[in-house]
Amino acid sequence: MWVPPPSVYRYLYFRGVFPLDVKGRRLLLRQYGTWIENELFWRGVFGGWEASSLRLWTELAERAQVIVDVGANTGIYALLAKTVNPSARVFAFEPIQRAYEMLQANARLNGYDIDCRLSAVSNYDGVGEMFDLDIDNIYHVALDRDVHHGDVVRRKVDVVRLDTFLRQQNVEPDLIKIDVESREPEVVEGLGAYLGERRPALLVEVWHDAEQQGDLHIGSRVEALVSGKGYRYWRIDEERGPVAAEHIGMPGRGYSNYLLCTEEKAREIGIQ
């Protein structure tokens, strides 16, 4: 099928179910008229949006038994994990009702037993407040008020620490994706002893113009939490792949995904 240039297909939205090829396996995805699904339809799983991150994620997911997607949204990462590793236990957290329903619908569409949770994840257990935009938006909802400028809608949500949840499930994590609009350090902190004892591979979004808390940016705060626990860091260039990094985060605007894992795990998936 002919693929138009991005300047054209960015306007060619549709609604309905479409298939994706994932390393020879078939994944069905429901398009709700959103840009990420549109990009996946036209460019494929490893050809467009977060291409290198998705490729690394699937390599790691094939070797994992307990996988956690924090900030799952419509479920792209959780769905890919289950596609390449049907025997893995996959947990997906999404605190916003409309995105959570899309996540559940995509899991049912594929017959996947993904454990979907309508909850936010942070460094405490209890109830929190999400700050949402008063538009039909599913990509930018946060526990941090400063993420949004202008009018916001406040929503009460359940909040859980990952170490609390994992103990309740009697599982130990192998692989975790964290994309929570500037609250990544709190999620990492909520892993508690699992960071040093289990050392799960972490795929973490880091904003480079990060909102500050105290004197530390997001990347520096994440690095402080994992320092001395056997992790190495790679910044993921979505066109060229992972680039070894001495520190997490870099100056400038925008964001990058970072892979944090042990030297041994990196060798398993062929990076150095």
Protein backbone atom coordinates (compact mmCIF):
# COMPACT_ATOMS: atom_id res chain seq x y z
CA MET A 1 0.00 0.00 0.00
CA TRP A 2 1.30 3.43 -0.95
CA VAL A 3 2.25 5.56 2.06
CA PRO A 4 1.85 9.31 1.64
CA PRO A 5 4.38 11.68 3.21
CA PRO A 6 3.84 12.79 6.83
CA SER A 7 2.68 16.21 5.66
CA VAL A 8 -0.29 14.41 4.06
CA TYR A 9 -1.06 11.43 6.30
CA ARG A 10 -1.10 13.58 9.44
CA TYR A 11 -4.52 14.73 8.21
CA LEU A 12 -5.79 11.30 7.12
CA TYR A 13 -7.49 10.26 10.35
CA PHE A 14 -10.05 7.49 10.55
CA ARG A 15 -11.93 5.43 13.12
CA GLY A 16 -11.96 1.66 13.21
CA VAL A 17 -9.80 -1.41 13.78
CA PHE A 18 -6.55 -2.01 11.91
CA PRO A 19 -3.84 -4.71 12.11
CA LEU A 20 -0.17 -4.21 12.91
CA ASP A 21 2.66 -6.59 12.15
CA VAL A 22 4.84 -7.08 15.24
CA LYS A 23 7.82 -9.28 14.38
CA GLY A 24 5.61 -11.65 12.43
CA ARG A 25 2.74 -11.55 14.95
CA ARG A 26 -0.57 -9.80 14.41
CA LEU A 27 -1.78 -7.06 16.77
CA LEU A 28 -5.15 -5.40 16.36
CA LEU A 29 -5.51 -1.78 17.37
CA ARG A 30 -8.56 0.43 17.53
CA GLN A 31 -8.13 3.88 16.02
CA TYR A 32 -10.07 6.60 17.84
CA GLY A 33 -8.89 9.44 15.63
CA THR A 34 -5.69 10.09 17.61
CA TRP A 35 -2.30 10.97 16.17
CA ILE A 36 -0.25 8.13 17.67
CA GLU A 37 -2.51 5.43 16.25
CA ASN A 38 -2.53 7.34 12.95
CA GLU A 39 1.28 7.29 12.89
CA LEU A 40 1.34 3.56 13.66
CA PHE A 41 -1.13 2.82 10.87
CA TRP A 42 0.89 4.63 8.21
CA ARG A 43 4.44 3.91 9.39
CA GLY A 44 4.17 0.62 11.26
CA VAL A 45 5.33 -0.25 14.77
CA PHE A 46 9.04 0.29 14.14
CA GLY A 47 8.88 2.97 11.44
CA GLY A 48 7.52 6.11 13.05
CA TRP A 49 6.41 7.19 16.52
CA GLU A 50 8.97 6.18 19.18
CA ALA A 51 10.34 3.57 16.76
CA SER A 52 13.58 2.83 18.64
CA SER A 53 11.84 2.80 22.03
CA LEU A 54 9.25 0.33 20.78
CA ARG A 55 11.94 -1.89 19.27
CA LEU A 56 13.94 -1.97 22.52
CA TRP A 57 10.76 -2.54 24.52
CA THR A 58 9.77 -5.59 22.48
CA GLU A 59 13.29 -7.03 22.77
CA LEU A 60 13.15 -6.65 26.54
CA ALA A 61 9.53 -7.86 26.77
CA GLU A 62 10.40 -11.12 25.01
CA ARG A 63 12.76 -11.89 27.91
CA ALA A 64 10.53 -10.70 30.79
CA GLN A 65 7.92 -12.49 32.88
CA VAL A 66 6.44 -9.55 34.81
CA ILE A 67 5.92 -6.35 32.82
CA VAL A 68 4.41 -3.08 34.07
CA ASP A 69 3.18 -0.19 31.90
CA VAL A 70 2.74 2.96 33.99
CA GLY A 71 0.82 5.64 32.14
CA ALA A 72 -0.48 3.11 29.63
CA ASN A 73 -2.93 5.41 27.83
CA THR A 74 -4.56 3.33 25.06
CA GLY A 75 -2.08 0.53 25.74
CA ILE A 76 0.48 0.50 22.92
CA TYR A 77 3.38 -0.66 25.10
CA ALA A 78 1.34 -3.15 27.14
CA LEU A 79 -0.21 -4.60 23.98
CA LEU A 80 3.18 -5.01 22.30
CA ALA A 81 4.55 -6.79 25.37
CA LYS A 82 1.69 -9.28 25.36
CA THR A 83 1.99 -9.77 21.59
CA VAL A 84 5.65 -10.80 21.70
CA ASN A 85 5.38 -12.65 25.02
CA PRO A 86 1.91 -14.15 25.56
CA SER A 87 3.00 -16.00 28.73
CA ALA A 88 4.15 -12.84 30.54
CA ARG A 89 2.04 -11.18 33.23
CA VAL A 90 1.37 -7.66 32.01
CA PHE A 91 -0.01 -4.90 34.27
CA ALA A 92 -1.16 -1.58 32.81
CA PHE A 93 -1.98 1.52 34.88
CA GLU A 94 -4.08 4.34 33.43
CA PRO A 95 -5.87 6.81 35.76
CA ILE A 96 -8.12 8.61 33.26
CA GLN A 97 -11.43 6.90 32.60
CA ARG A 98 -11.71 7.59 28.86
CA ALA A 99 -8.17 6.36 28.12
CA TYR A 100 -8.64 3.40 30.48
CA GLU A 101 -11.73 2.31 28.53
CA MET A 102 -9.73 2.46 25.28
CA LEU A 103 -6.96 0.41 26.91
CA GLN A 104 -9.47 -2.23 28.01
CA ALA A 105 -11.11 -2.28 24.58
CA ASN A 106 -7.76 -2.89 22.86
CA ALA A 107 -6.93 -5.72 25.27
CA ARG A 108 -10.33 -7.37 24.69
CA LEU A 109 -9.97 -6.92 20.93
CA ASN A 110 -6.88 -9.13 20.99
CA GLY A 111 -8.09 -11.52 23.67
CA TYR A 112 -5.22 -10.46 25.95
CA ASP A 113 -5.37 -11.00 29.70
CA ILE A 114 -3.65 -7.69 30.49
CA ASP A 115 -4.38 -6.65 34.08
CA CYS A 116 -5.68 -3.09 33.53
CA ARG A 117 -5.87 -0.79 36.55
CA LEU A 118 -7.77 2.51 36.75
CA SER A 119 -5.14 4.11 38.97
CA ALA A 120 -2.25 6.54 39.07
CA VAL A 121 1.18 5.45 40.33
CA SER A 122 3.39 7.54 42.59
CA ASN A 123 5.41 7.36 45.83
CA TYR A 124 2.41 6.98 48.14
CA ASP A 125 -0.77 4.94 48.52
CA GLY A 126 -4.09 6.73 48.71
CA VAL A 127 -6.07 9.26 46.71
CA GLY A 128 -4.65 12.01 44.51
CA GLU A 129 -5.82 14.71 42.17
CA MET A 130 -5.27 14.62 38.41
CA PHE A 131 -5.13 17.79 36.34
CA ASP A 132 -6.82 17.34 32.98
CA LEU A 133 -7.52 19.66 30.07
CA ASP A 134 -11.12 20.53 29.31
CA ILE A 135 -10.85 19.05 25.81
CA ASP A 136 -11.07 15.58 24.26
CA ASN A 137 -7.42 14.90 25.11
CA ILE A 138 -5.89 11.60 26.27
CA TYR A 139 -2.15 12.26 26.09
CA HIS A 140 -1.45 15.00 28.61
CA VAL A 141 -3.04 14.38 31.99
CA ALA A 142 -0.90 14.69 35.09
CA LEU A 143 -0.67 14.65 38.88
CA ASP A 144 1.33 17.88 38.59
CA ARG A 145 -0.70 21.09 38.20
CA ASP A 146 2.26 22.92 36.59
CA VAL A 147 2.20 20.62 33.54
CA HIS A 148 -0.83 22.48 32.16
CA HIS A 149 -1.28 26.18 31.61
CA GLY A 150 -4.74 27.72 31.61
CA ASP A 151 -8.01 26.09 32.60
CA VAL A 152 -7.83 22.54 33.93
CA VAL A 153 -10.29 19.99 35.23
CA ARG A 154 -9.48 18.40 38.60
CA ARG A 155 -10.27 14.71 39.00
CA LYS A 156 -9.85 12.52 42.08
CA VAL A 157 -7.98 9.28 41.36
CA ASP A 158 -6.67 6.29 43.28
CA VAL A 159 -2.88 6.32 43.70
CA VAL A 160 -0.59 3.38 44.50
CA ARG A 161 3.11 2.74 45.03
CA LEU A 162 4.52 0.04 42.79
CA ASP A 163 6.18 -1.81 45.65
CA THR A 164 2.82 -1.99 47.46
CA PHE A 165 1.07 -3.28 44.35
CA LEU A 166 3.78 -5.81 43.46
CA ARG A 167 3.80 -7.27 46.96
CA GLN A 168 0.01 -7.61 46.84
CA GLN A 169 0.29 -9.48 43.53
CA ASN A 170 3.19 -11.58 44.84
CA VAL A 171 5.32 -10.83 41.77
CA GLU A 172 8.72 -9.27 41.09
CA PRO A 173 9.11 -6.88 38.14
CA ASP A 174 11.39 -7.51 35.16
CA LEU A 175 10.45 -4.58 32.91
CA ILE A 176 8.68 -1.26 33.56
CA LYS A 177 7.69 1.61 31.28
CA ILE A 178 7.05 4.98 32.96
CA ASP A 179 5.41 7.90 31.13
CA VAL A 180 3.55 10.08 33.61
CA GLU A 181 4.04 13.69 32.50
CA SER A 182 6.83 14.83 34.87
CA ARG A 183 6.11 12.52 37.85
CA GLU A 184 8.55 9.81 36.75
CA PRO A 185 10.83 10.27 39.81
CA GLU A 186 7.93 9.59 42.17
CA VAL A 187 7.07 6.38 40.33
CA VAL A 188 10.70 5.20 40.48
CA GLU A 189 10.86 6.09 44.18
CA GLY A 190 7.72 4.01 44.74
CA LEU A 191 9.57 0.88 43.63
CA GLY A 192 11.37 0.95 46.95
CA ALA A 193 13.63 -2.05 47.58
CA TYR A 194 12.82 -3.60 44.19
CA LEU A 195 15.23 -1.11 42.58
CA GLY A 196 18.29 -2.52 44.33
CA GLU A 197 17.13 -6.10 44.83
CA ARG A 198 15.42 -6.89 41.52
CA ARG A 199 16.86 -4.14 39.27
CA PRO A 200 14.10 -4.24 36.65
CA ALA A 201 14.80 -2.65 33.27
CA LEU A 202 13.18 0.80 33.13
CA LEU A 203 12.03 2.72 30.06
CA VAL A 204 11.48 6.24 31.39
CA GLU A 205 10.34 9.42 29.68
CA VAL A 206 12.43 12.43 30.72
CA TRP A 207 11.49 15.99 29.88
CA HIS A 208 14.56 18.08 29.13
CA ASP A 209 12.85 21.36 30.04
CA ALA A 210 11.76 19.47 33.15
CA GLU A 211 9.61 21.06 35.78
CA GLN A 212 11.83 21.59 38.79
CA GLN A 213 11.18 20.41 42.30
CA GLY A 214 13.80 21.87 44.57
CA ASP A 215 17.03 22.19 42.62
CA LEU A 216 16.84 18.98 40.63
CA HIS A 217 15.33 18.33 37.22
CA ILE A 218 13.48 15.12 36.40
CA GLY A 219 16.49 13.30 34.97
CA SER A 220 18.71 14.21 37.90
CA ARG A 221 16.09 13.05 40.39
CA VAL A 222 15.67 9.69 38.63
CA GLU A 223 19.43 9.27 38.47
CA ALA A 224 19.79 9.93 42.19
CA LEU A 225 17.26 7.16 42.91
CA VAL A 226 19.02 4.49 40.79
CA SER A 227 22.62 5.54 41.42
CA GLY A 228 24.76 2.81 42.96
CA LYS A 229 22.24 0.07 42.15
CA GLY A 230 23.96 -1.39 39.09
CA TYR A 231 22.17 0.57 36.37
CA ARG A 232 23.59 2.00 33.16
CA TYR A 233 21.83 4.67 31.12
CA TRP A 234 21.00 5.04 27.43
CA ARG A 235 19.23 7.97 25.82
CA ILE A 236 17.04 6.64 23.04
CA ASP A 237 17.44 8.41 19.72
CA GLU A 238 14.21 7.42 17.97
CA GLU A 239 15.90 7.36 14.56
CA ARG A 240 19.35 5.94 15.40
CA GLY A 241 18.74 3.87 18.52
CA PRO A 242 20.14 3.92 22.06
CA VAL A 243 23.08 6.19 22.86
CA ALA A 244 25.12 5.48 26.01
CA ALA A 245 24.79 8.36 28.48
CA GLU A 246 26.80 9.27 31.54
CA HIS A 247 23.81 11.01 33.10
CA ILE A 248 20.03 11.01 32.72
CA GLY A 249 18.64 14.15 31.13
CA MET A 250 20.18 16.86 29.02
CA PRO A 251 19.75 20.62 28.49
CA GLY A 252 17.20 21.92 26.03
CA ARG A 253 13.52 21.58 25.36
CA GLY A 254 11.53 18.48 24.47
CA TYR A 255 11.86 14.98 25.86
CA SER A 256 13.63 11.68 25.33
CA ASN A 257 12.99 8.18 26.51
CA TYR A 258 15.81 6.67 28.53
CA LEU A 259 16.60 3.01 29.01
CA LEU A 260 17.96 2.15 32.45
CA CYS A 261 19.16 -1.42 32.90
CA THR A 262 22.07 -3.58 34.00
CA GLU A 263 25.10 -4.27 31.82
CA GLU A 264 24.02 -7.90 31.59
CA LYS A 265 20.53 -7.03 30.36
CA ALA A 266 21.98 -4.64 27.79
CA ARG A 267 24.21 -7.36 26.39
CA GLU A 268 21.20 -9.68 26.07
CA ILE A 269 19.51 -7.27 23.67
CA GLY A 270 22.71 -6.33 21.85
CA ILE A 271 23.47 -2.81 23.07
CA GLN A 272 26.58 -1.43 24.74
